PDB file of all heavy atoms in Angstrom:
ATOM      1  N   ILE A   1     131.374  76.639 104.517  1.00  0.00           N
ATOM      2  CA  ILE A   1     130.133  77.124 103.925  1.00  0.00           C
ATOM      3  C   ILE A   1     128.958  76.904 104.878  1.00  0.00           C
ATOM      4  O   ILE A   1     128.790  75.807 105.411  1.00  0.00           O
ATOM      5  CB  ILE A   1     129.847  76.412 102.591  1.00  0.00           C
ATOM      6  CG1 ILE A   1     131.006  76.632 101.606  1.00  0.00           C
ATOM      7  CG2 ILE A   1     128.523  76.897 101.986  1.00  0.00           C
ATOM      8  CD1 ILE A   1     130.891  75.810 100.335  1.00  0.00           C
ATOM      9  N   LEU A   2     128.155  77.951 105.061  1.00  0.00           N
ATOM     10  CA  LEU A   2     126.901  77.845 105.815  1.00  0.00           C
ATOM     11  C   LEU A   2     125.744  77.988 104.836  1.00  0.00           C
ATOM     12  O   LEU A   2     125.707  78.935 104.049  1.00  0.00           O
ATOM     13  CB  LEU A   2     126.813  78.936 106.877  1.00  0.00           C
ATOM     14  CG  LEU A   2     125.486  78.986 107.664  1.00  0.00           C
ATOM     15  CD1 LEU A   2     125.329  77.754 108.545  1.00  0.00           C
ATOM     16  CD2 LEU A   2     125.383  80.260 108.498  1.00  0.00           C
ATOM     17  N   ILE A   3     124.795  77.053 104.903  1.00  0.00           N
ATOM     18  CA  ILE A   3     123.595  77.120 104.081  1.00  0.00           C
ATOM     19  C   ILE A   3     122.409  77.394 104.982  1.00  0.00           C
ATOM     20  O   ILE A   3     122.046  76.549 105.812  1.00  0.00           O
ATOM     21  CB  ILE A   3     123.383  75.809 103.299  1.00  0.00           C
ATOM     22  CG1 ILE A   3     124.578  75.538 102.372  1.00  0.00           C
ATOM     23  CG2 ILE A   3     122.079  75.865 102.495  1.00  0.00           C
ATOM     24  CD1 ILE A   3     124.507  74.214 101.646  1.00  0.00           C
ATOM     25  N   THR A   4     121.805  78.571 104.856  1.00  0.00           N
ATOM     26  CA  THR A   4     120.606  78.855 105.637  1.00  0.00           C
ATOM     27  C   THR A   4     119.411  78.206 104.944  1.00  0.00           C
ATOM     28  O   THR A   4     119.337  78.163 103.724  1.00  0.00           O
ATOM     29  CB  THR A   4     120.364  80.371 105.792  1.00  0.00           C
ATOM     30  OG1 THR A   4     120.044  80.931 104.520  1.00  0.00           O
ATOM     31  CG2 THR A   4     121.603  81.055 106.360  1.00  0.00           C
ATOM     32  N   GLY A   5     118.464  77.706 105.742  1.00  0.00           N
ATOM     33  CA  GLY A   5     117.384  76.918 105.166  1.00  0.00           C
ATOM     34  C   GLY A   5     117.889  75.571 104.691  1.00  0.00           C
ATOM     35  O   GLY A   5     117.370  74.989 103.729  1.00  0.00           O
ATOM     36  N   GLY A   6     118.888  75.057 105.387  1.00  0.00           N
ATOM     37  CA  GLY A   6     119.587  73.843 104.955  1.00  0.00           C
ATOM     38  C   GLY A   6     118.782  72.566 105.065  1.00  0.00           C
ATOM     39  O   GLY A   6     119.212  71.529 104.543  1.00  0.00           O
ATOM     40  N   CYS A   7     117.636  72.620 105.728  1.00  0.00           N
ATOM     41  CA  CYS A   7     116.767  71.439 105.794  1.00  0.00           C
ATOM     42  C   CYS A   7     115.511  71.622 104.936  1.00  0.00           C
ATOM     43  O   CYS A   7     114.567  70.839 105.049  1.00  0.00           O
ATOM     44  CB  CYS A   7     116.383  71.128 107.245  1.00  0.00           C
ATOM     45  SG  CYS A   7     117.776  70.607 108.243  1.00  0.00           S
ATOM     46  N   GLY A   8     115.512  72.645 104.112  1.00  0.00           N
ATOM     47  CA  GLY A   8     114.444  72.816 103.137  1.00  0.00           C
ATOM     48  C   GLY A   8     114.763  72.044 101.861  1.00  0.00           C
ATOM     49  O   GLY A   8     115.790  71.356 101.773  1.00  0.00           O
ATOM     50  N   PHE A   9     113.919  72.175 100.886  1.00  0.00           N
ATOM     51  CA  PHE A   9     114.081  71.439  99.629  1.00  0.00           C
ATOM     52  C   PHE A   9     115.397  71.792  98.932  1.00  0.00           C
ATOM     53  O   PHE A   9     116.240  70.928  98.670  1.00  0.00           O
ATOM     54  CB  PHE A   9     112.887  71.736  98.712  1.00  0.00           C
ATOM     55  CG  PHE A   9     113.098  71.407  97.264  1.00  0.00           C
ATOM     56  CD1 PHE A   9     113.490  70.133  96.876  1.00  0.00           C
ATOM     57  CD2 PHE A   9     112.906  72.371  96.283  1.00  0.00           C
ATOM     58  CE1 PHE A   9     113.696  69.828  95.543  1.00  0.00           C
ATOM     59  CE2 PHE A   9     113.094  72.075  94.948  1.00  0.00           C
ATOM     60  CZ  PHE A   9     113.487  70.795  94.575  1.00  0.00           C
ATOM     61  N   VAL A  10     115.599  73.079  98.642  1.00  0.00           N
ATOM     62  CA  VAL A  10     116.807  73.495  97.934  1.00  0.00           C
ATOM     63  C   VAL A  10     118.026  73.343  98.822  1.00  0.00           C
ATOM     64  O   VAL A  10     119.055  72.787  98.412  1.00  0.00           O
ATOM     65  CB  VAL A  10     116.682  74.955  97.441  1.00  0.00           C
ATOM     66  CG1 VAL A  10     117.991  75.418  96.822  1.00  0.00           C
ATOM     67  CG2 VAL A  10     115.562  75.082  96.413  1.00  0.00           C
ATOM     68  N   GLY A  11     117.930  73.825 100.059  1.00  0.00           N
ATOM     69  CA  GLY A  11     119.084  73.810 100.959  1.00  0.00           C
ATOM     70  C   GLY A  11     119.633  72.430 101.231  1.00  0.00           C
ATOM     71  O   GLY A  11     120.858  72.216 101.213  1.00  0.00           O
ATOM     72  N   SER A  12     118.763  71.456 101.494  1.00  0.00           N
ATOM     73  CA  SER A  12     119.224  70.097 101.809  1.00  0.00           C
ATOM     74  C   SER A  12     119.857  69.429 100.591  1.00  0.00           C
ATOM     75  O   SER A  12     120.920  68.787 100.692  1.00  0.00           O
ATOM     76  CB  SER A  12     118.068  69.246 102.338  1.00  0.00           C
ATOM     77  OG  SER A  12     117.038  69.127 101.377  1.00  0.00           O
ATOM     78  N   ASN A  13     119.212  69.584  99.420  1.00  0.00           N
ATOM     79  CA  ASN A  13     119.800  69.020  98.206  1.00  0.00           C
ATOM     80  C   ASN A  13     121.150  69.653  97.897  1.00  0.00           C
ATOM     81  O   ASN A  13     122.097  68.960  97.486  1.00  0.00           O
ATOM     82  CB  ASN A  13     118.847  69.211  97.028  1.00  0.00           C
ATOM     83  CG  ASN A  13     117.766  68.142  96.967  1.00  0.00           C
ATOM     84  OD1 ASN A  13     118.024  66.990  96.650  1.00  0.00           O
ATOM     85  ND2 ASN A  13     116.546  68.528  97.293  1.00  0.00           N
ATOM     86  N   LEU A  14     121.254  70.949  98.105  1.00  0.00           N
ATOM     87  CA  LEU A  14     122.499  71.651  97.838  1.00  0.00           C
ATOM     88  C   LEU A  14     123.597  71.222  98.808  1.00  0.00           C
ATOM     89  O   LEU A  14     124.739  70.966  98.401  1.00  0.00           O
ATOM     90  CB  LEU A  14     122.275  73.156  97.926  1.00  0.00           C
ATOM     91  CG  LEU A  14     123.494  74.045  97.679  1.00  0.00           C
ATOM     92  CD1 LEU A  14     124.074  73.807  96.297  1.00  0.00           C
ATOM     93  CD2 LEU A  14     123.111  75.522  97.856  1.00  0.00           C
ATOM     94  N   ALA A  15     123.258  71.135 100.101  1.00  0.00           N
ATOM     95  CA  ALA A  15     124.242  70.731 101.101  1.00  0.00           C
ATOM     96  C   ALA A  15     124.812  69.346 100.797  1.00  0.00           C
ATOM     97  O   ALA A  15     126.037  69.122 100.848  1.00  0.00           O
ATOM     98  CB  ALA A  15     123.607  70.748 102.495  1.00  0.00           C
ATOM     99  N   ILE A  16     123.931  68.419 100.472  1.00  0.00           N
ATOM    100  CA  ILE A  16     124.363  67.046 100.171  1.00  0.00           C
ATOM    101  C   ILE A  16     125.178  67.011  98.880  1.00  0.00           C
ATOM    102  O   ILE A  16     126.189  66.302  98.782  1.00  0.00           O
ATOM    103  CB  ILE A  16     123.134  66.117 100.095  1.00  0.00           C
ATOM    104  CG1 ILE A  16     122.534  65.959 101.494  1.00  0.00           C
ATOM    105  CG2 ILE A  16     123.492  64.751  99.509  1.00  0.00           C
ATOM    106  CD1 ILE A  16     121.166  65.327 101.522  1.00  0.00           C
ATOM    107  N   TYR A  17     124.762  67.786  97.888  1.00  0.00           N
ATOM    108  CA  TYR A  17     125.514  67.841  96.628  1.00  0.00           C
ATOM    109  C   TYR A  17     126.930  68.384  96.853  1.00  0.00           C
ATOM    110  O   TYR A  17     127.919  67.818  96.345  1.00  0.00           O
ATOM    111  CB  TYR A  17     124.765  68.725  95.630  1.00  0.00           C
ATOM    112  CG  TYR A  17     125.498  68.932  94.326  1.00  0.00           C
ATOM    113  CD1 TYR A  17     125.313  68.067  93.264  1.00  0.00           C
ATOM    114  CD2 TYR A  17     126.389  69.997  94.164  1.00  0.00           C
ATOM    115  CE1 TYR A  17     125.990  68.245  92.060  1.00  0.00           C
ATOM    116  CE2 TYR A  17     127.072  70.191  92.976  1.00  0.00           C
ATOM    117  CZ  TYR A  17     126.866  69.308  91.922  1.00  0.00           C
ATOM    118  OH  TYR A  17     127.566  69.492  90.743  1.00  0.00           O
ATOM    119  N   LEU A  18     127.053  69.478  97.594  1.00  0.00           N
ATOM    120  CA  LEU A  18     128.364  70.070  97.846  1.00  0.00           C
ATOM    121  C   LEU A  18     129.264  69.128  98.650  1.00  0.00           C
ATOM    122  O   LEU A  18     130.465  69.015  98.385  1.00  0.00           O
ATOM    123  CB  LEU A  18     128.213  71.400  98.578  1.00  0.00           C
ATOM    124  CG  LEU A  18     127.493  72.517  97.814  1.00  0.00           C
ATOM    125  CD1 LEU A  18     127.395  73.778  98.666  1.00  0.00           C
ATOM    126  CD2 LEU A  18     128.177  72.826  96.484  1.00  0.00           C
ATOM    127  N   LYS A  19     128.667  68.457  99.613  1.00  0.00           N
ATOM    128  CA  LYS A  19     129.421  67.490 100.425  1.00  0.00           C
ATOM    129  C   LYS A  19     129.928  66.346  99.553  1.00  0.00           C
ATOM    130  O   LYS A  19     131.103  65.958  99.620  1.00  0.00           O
ATOM    131  CB  LYS A  19     128.515  66.951 101.524  1.00  0.00           C
ATOM    132  CG  LYS A  19     129.169  65.924 102.441  1.00  0.00           C
ATOM    133  CD  LYS A  19     129.963  66.554 103.552  1.00  0.00           C
ATOM    134  CE  LYS A  19     130.433  65.523 104.552  1.00  0.00           C
ATOM    135  NZ  LYS A  19     131.111  66.124 105.705  1.00  0.00           N
ATOM    136  N   LYS A  20     129.042  65.802  98.734  1.00  0.00           N
ATOM    137  CA  LYS A  20     129.380  64.671  97.862  1.00  0.00           C
ATOM    138  C   LYS A  20     130.494  65.039  96.891  1.00  0.00           C
ATOM    139  O   LYS A  20     131.388  64.231  96.612  1.00  0.00           O
ATOM    140  CB  LYS A  20     128.134  64.220  97.103  1.00  0.00           C
ATOM    141  CG  LYS A  20     128.386  63.062  96.149  1.00  0.00           C
ATOM    142  CD  LYS A  20     127.119  62.688  95.393  1.00  0.00           C
ATOM    143  CE  LYS A  20     127.368  61.551  94.417  1.00  0.00           C
ATOM    144  NZ  LYS A  20     126.127  61.206  93.653  1.00  0.00           N
ATOM    145  N   ASN A  21     130.439  66.255  96.375  1.00  0.00           N
ATOM    146  CA  ASN A  21     131.413  66.690  95.372  1.00  0.00           C
ATOM    147  C   ASN A  21     132.612  67.428  95.963  1.00  0.00           C
ATOM    148  O   ASN A  21     133.409  68.014  95.224  1.00  0.00           O
ATOM    149  CB  ASN A  21     130.718  67.554  94.321  1.00  0.00           C
ATOM    150  CG  ASN A  21     129.775  66.765  93.456  1.00  0.00           C
ATOM    151  OD1 ASN A  21     130.191  66.109  92.501  1.00  0.00           O
ATOM    152  ND2 ASN A  21     128.493  66.782  93.780  1.00  0.00           N
ATOM    153  N   LYS A  22     132.691  67.403  97.294  1.00  0.00           N
ATOM    154  CA  LYS A  22     133.836  67.956  98.016  1.00  0.00           C
ATOM    155  C   LYS A  22     134.075  69.425  97.684  1.00  0.00           C
ATOM    156  O   LYS A  22     135.205  69.852  97.435  1.00  0.00           O
ATOM    157  CB  LYS A  22     135.093  67.116  97.749  1.00  0.00           C
ATOM    158  CG  LYS A  22     134.960  65.668  98.200  1.00  0.00           C
ATOM    159  CD  LYS A  22     136.211  64.869  97.914  1.00  0.00           C
ATOM    160  CE  LYS A  22     136.046  63.417  98.375  1.00  0.00           C
ATOM    161  NZ  LYS A  22     137.235  62.599  98.077  1.00  0.00           N
ATOM    162  N   ILE A  23     132.963  70.175  97.649  1.00  0.00           N
ATOM    163  CA  ILE A  23     133.047  71.620  97.446  1.00  0.00           C
ATOM    164  C   ILE A  23     133.063  72.269  98.820  1.00  0.00           C
ATOM    165  O   ILE A  23     132.055  72.341  99.511  1.00  0.00           O
ATOM    166  CB  ILE A  23     131.849  72.153  96.636  1.00  0.00           C
ATOM    167  CG1 ILE A  23     131.643  71.329  95.367  1.00  0.00           C
ATOM    168  CG2 ILE A  23     132.050  73.631  96.314  1.00  0.00           C
ATOM    169  CD1 ILE A  23     132.827  71.305  94.429  1.00  0.00           C
ATOM    170  N   GLY A  24     134.206  72.719  99.259  1.00  0.00           N
ATOM    171  CA  GLY A  24     134.356  73.233 100.616  1.00  0.00           C
ATOM    172  C   GLY A  24     134.778  72.119 101.557  1.00  0.00           C
ATOM    173  O   GLY A  24     134.393  70.955 101.376  1.00  0.00           O
ATOM    174  N   ASN A  25     135.544  72.478 102.556  1.00  0.00           N
ATOM    175  CA  ASN A  25     136.019  71.456 103.510  1.00  0.00           C
ATOM    176  C   ASN A  25     135.084  71.300 104.707  1.00  0.00           C
ATOM    177  O   ASN A  25     135.247  70.375 105.499  1.00  0.00           O
ATOM    178  CB  ASN A  25     137.437  71.778 103.989  1.00  0.00           C
ATOM    179  CG  ASN A  25     137.532  73.140 104.666  1.00  0.00           C
ATOM    180  OD1 ASN A  25     136.632  73.963 104.541  1.00  0.00           O
ATOM    181  ND2 ASN A  25     138.617  73.377 105.381  1.00  0.00           N
ATOM    182  N   LYS A  26     134.083  72.182 104.805  1.00  0.00           N
ATOM    183  CA  LYS A  26     133.086  72.055 105.875  1.00  0.00           C
ATOM    184  C   LYS A  26     131.775  72.678 105.410  1.00  0.00           C
ATOM    185  O   LYS A  26     131.740  73.831 104.990  1.00  0.00           O
ATOM    186  CB  LYS A  26     133.569  72.720 107.158  1.00  0.00           C
ATOM    187  CG  LYS A  26     132.659  72.470 108.356  1.00  0.00           C
ATOM    188  CD  LYS A  26     133.298  72.978 109.633  1.00  0.00           C
ATOM    189  CE  LYS A  26     134.433  72.064 110.078  1.00  0.00           C
ATOM    190  NZ  LYS A  26     134.984  72.449 111.400  1.00  0.00           N
ATOM    191  N   ILE A  27     130.693  71.883 105.499  1.00  0.00           N
ATOM    192  CA  ILE A  27     129.356  72.356 105.127  1.00  0.00           C
ATOM    193  C   ILE A  27     128.459  72.290 106.359  1.00  0.00           C
ATOM    194  O   ILE A  27     128.315  71.226 106.963  1.00  0.00           O
ATOM    195  CB  ILE A  27     128.722  71.481 104.014  1.00  0.00           C
ATOM    196  CG1 ILE A  27     129.670  71.308 102.832  1.00  0.00           C
ATOM    197  CG2 ILE A  27     127.376  72.074 103.581  1.00  0.00           C
ATOM    198  CD1 ILE A  27     129.922  72.530 102.033  1.00  0.00           C
TER     199      ILE A  27
END
């Protein structure tokens, strides 16, 4: 998964959430 705007408010929270919950094998 690629998150554009990944260091913004929504993007960073989403990236960390997906990583924590093991959604996808690479974020």
